[in-house]
Amino acid sequence: MREEEQVLELVNGYAKGIITDKEFYMMRDIILMESTTIKESEWCHYSGMENPKAYEEEWESNSLYSS
């Protein structure tokens, strides 16, 4: 199976809720031999949150995308 097909399978699994976003990125990195790791010091820039824990708490409370 080609890399593109493997990543497409991951996208399908993520879309169906079979794998989490963390699992998706971890497996994608392995397939493509890349790293998408974001340093803790970069969280404010990428997420707008003060730290990874605040992001997780916000995500778990489901208020990031609620209107």
C-alpha atoms as a PDB file:
ATOM      1  CA  MET A   1       0.000   0.000   0.000  1.00  0.00           C
ATOM      2  CA  ARG A   2       1.376   3.432  -0.948  1.00  0.00           C
ATOM      3  CA  GLU A   3       1.877   6.223   1.591  1.00  0.00           C
ATOM      4  CA  GLU A   4      -1.032   8.199   0.164  1.00  0.00           C
ATOM      5  CA  GLU A   5      -3.374   5.237   0.529  1.00  0.00           C
ATOM      6  CA  GLN A   6      -2.225   4.603   4.094  1.00  0.00           C
ATOM      7  CA  VAL A   7      -2.805   8.231   5.083  1.00  0.00           C
ATOM      8  CA  LEU A   8      -6.242   8.140   3.402  1.00  0.00           C
ATOM      9  CA  GLU A   9      -7.110   5.093   5.507  1.00  0.00           C
ATOM     10  CA  LEU A  10      -6.067   7.052   8.601  1.00  0.00           C
ATOM     11  CA  VAL A  11      -8.256   9.993   7.558  1.00  0.00           C
ATOM     12  CA  ASN A  12     -11.197   7.632   7.077  1.00  0.00           C
ATOM     13  CA  GLY A  13     -10.588   6.062  10.491  1.00  0.00           C
ATOM     14  CA  TYR A  14     -10.403   9.485  12.103  1.00  0.00           C
ATOM     15  CA  ALA A  15     -13.550  10.682  10.320  1.00  0.00           C
ATOM     16  CA  LYS A  16     -15.445   7.617  11.551  1.00  0.00           C
ATOM     17  CA  GLY A  17     -14.229   8.153  15.125  1.00  0.00           C
ATOM     18  CA  ILE A  18     -12.196   4.933  15.148  1.00  0.00           C
ATOM     19  CA  ILE A  19      -8.954   6.729  16.062  1.00  0.00           C
ATOM     20  CA  THR A  20      -8.272   9.936  17.972  1.00  0.00           C
ATOM     21  CA  ASP A  21      -6.487  12.978  16.614  1.00  0.00           C
ATOM     22  CA  LYS A  22      -3.375  12.063  18.628  1.00  0.00           C
ATOM     23  CA  GLU A  23      -3.376   8.555  17.159  1.00  0.00           C
ATOM     24  CA  PHE A  24      -3.908   9.965  13.668  1.00  0.00           C
ATOM     25  CA  TYR A  25      -0.917  12.298  13.854  1.00  0.00           C
ATOM     26  CA  MET A  26       1.300   9.690  15.495  1.00  0.00           C
ATOM     27  CA  MET A  27       0.548   7.094  12.800  1.00  0.00           C
ATOM     28  CA  ARG A  28       0.762   9.674  10.011  1.00  0.00           C
ATOM     29  CA  ASP A  29       4.206  10.684  11.222  1.00  0.00           C
ATOM     30  CA  ILE A  30       5.319   7.046  11.185  1.00  0.00           C
ATOM     31  CA  ILE A  31       4.002   6.457   7.656  1.00  0.00           C
ATOM     32  CA  LEU A  32       5.493   9.660   6.230  1.00  0.00           C
ATOM     33  CA  MET A  33       8.622   9.541   8.424  1.00  0.00           C
ATOM     34  CA  GLU A  34       7.947  13.106   9.626  1.00  0.00           C
ATOM     35  CA  SER A  35       7.341  14.789  12.937  1.00  0.00           C
ATOM     36  CA  THR A  36       4.447  17.093  13.740  1.00  0.00           C
ATOM     37  CA  THR A  37       5.333  17.414  17.404  1.00  0.00           C
ATOM     38  CA  ILE A  38       4.630  20.864  18.758  1.00  0.00           C
ATOM     39  CA  LYS A  39       6.783  22.000  21.667  1.00  0.00           C
ATOM     40  CA  GLU A  40       4.959  23.063  24.811  1.00  0.00           C
ATOM     41  CA  SER A  41       6.443  26.546  24.417  1.00  0.00           C
ATOM     42  CA  GLU A  42       4.633  26.857  21.043  1.00  0.00           C
ATOM     43  CA  TRP A  43       1.150  26.023  22.360  1.00  0.00           C
ATOM     44  CA  CYS A  44       0.131  29.635  22.926  1.00  0.00           C
ATOM     45  CA  HIS A  45       0.884  30.468  19.310  1.00  0.00           C
ATOM     46  CA  TYR A  46      -0.816  27.428  17.733  1.00  0.00           C
ATOM     47  CA  SER A  47      -3.856  26.954  19.951  1.00  0.00           C
ATOM     48  CA  GLY A  48      -4.430  30.335  21.528  1.00  0.00           C
ATOM     49  CA  MET A  49      -4.477  28.543  24.889  1.00  0.00           C
ATOM     50  CA  GLU A  50      -2.087  29.142  27.763  1.00  0.00           C
ATOM     51  CA  ASN A  51      -0.758  25.551  27.836  1.00  0.00           C
ATOM     52  CA  PRO A  52      -1.562  21.996  26.648  1.00  0.00           C
ATOM     53  CA  LYS A  53      -3.495  21.199  29.842  1.00  0.00           C
ATOM     54  CA  ALA A  54      -5.798  24.195  29.314  1.00  0.00           C
ATOM     55  CA  TYR A  55      -6.390  23.032  25.740  1.00  0.00           C
ATOM     56  CA  GLU A  56      -7.275  19.495  26.901  1.00  0.00           C
ATOM     57  CA  GLU A  57      -9.635  20.826  29.568  1.00  0.00           C
ATOM     58  CA  GLU A  58     -11.341  23.076  27.026  1.00  0.00           C
ATOM     59  CA  TRP A  59     -11.594  20.203  24.539  1.00  0.00           C
ATOM     60  CA  GLU A  60     -13.030  17.837  27.156  1.00  0.00           C
ATOM     61  CA  SER A  61     -15.608  20.399  28.219  1.00  0.00           C
ATOM     62  CA  ASN A  62     -16.515  20.635  24.510  1.00  0.00           C
ATOM     63  CA  SER A  63     -16.618  24.413  24.633  1.00  0.00           C
ATOM     64  CA  LEU A  64     -14.047  25.022  21.903  1.00  0.00           C
ATOM     65  CA  TYR A  65     -16.568  24.552  19.130  1.00  0.00           C
ATOM     66  CA  SER A  66     -19.907  25.121  20.817  1.00  0.00           C
ATOM     67  CA  SER A  67     -21.871  28.168  19.801  1.00  0.00           C
END
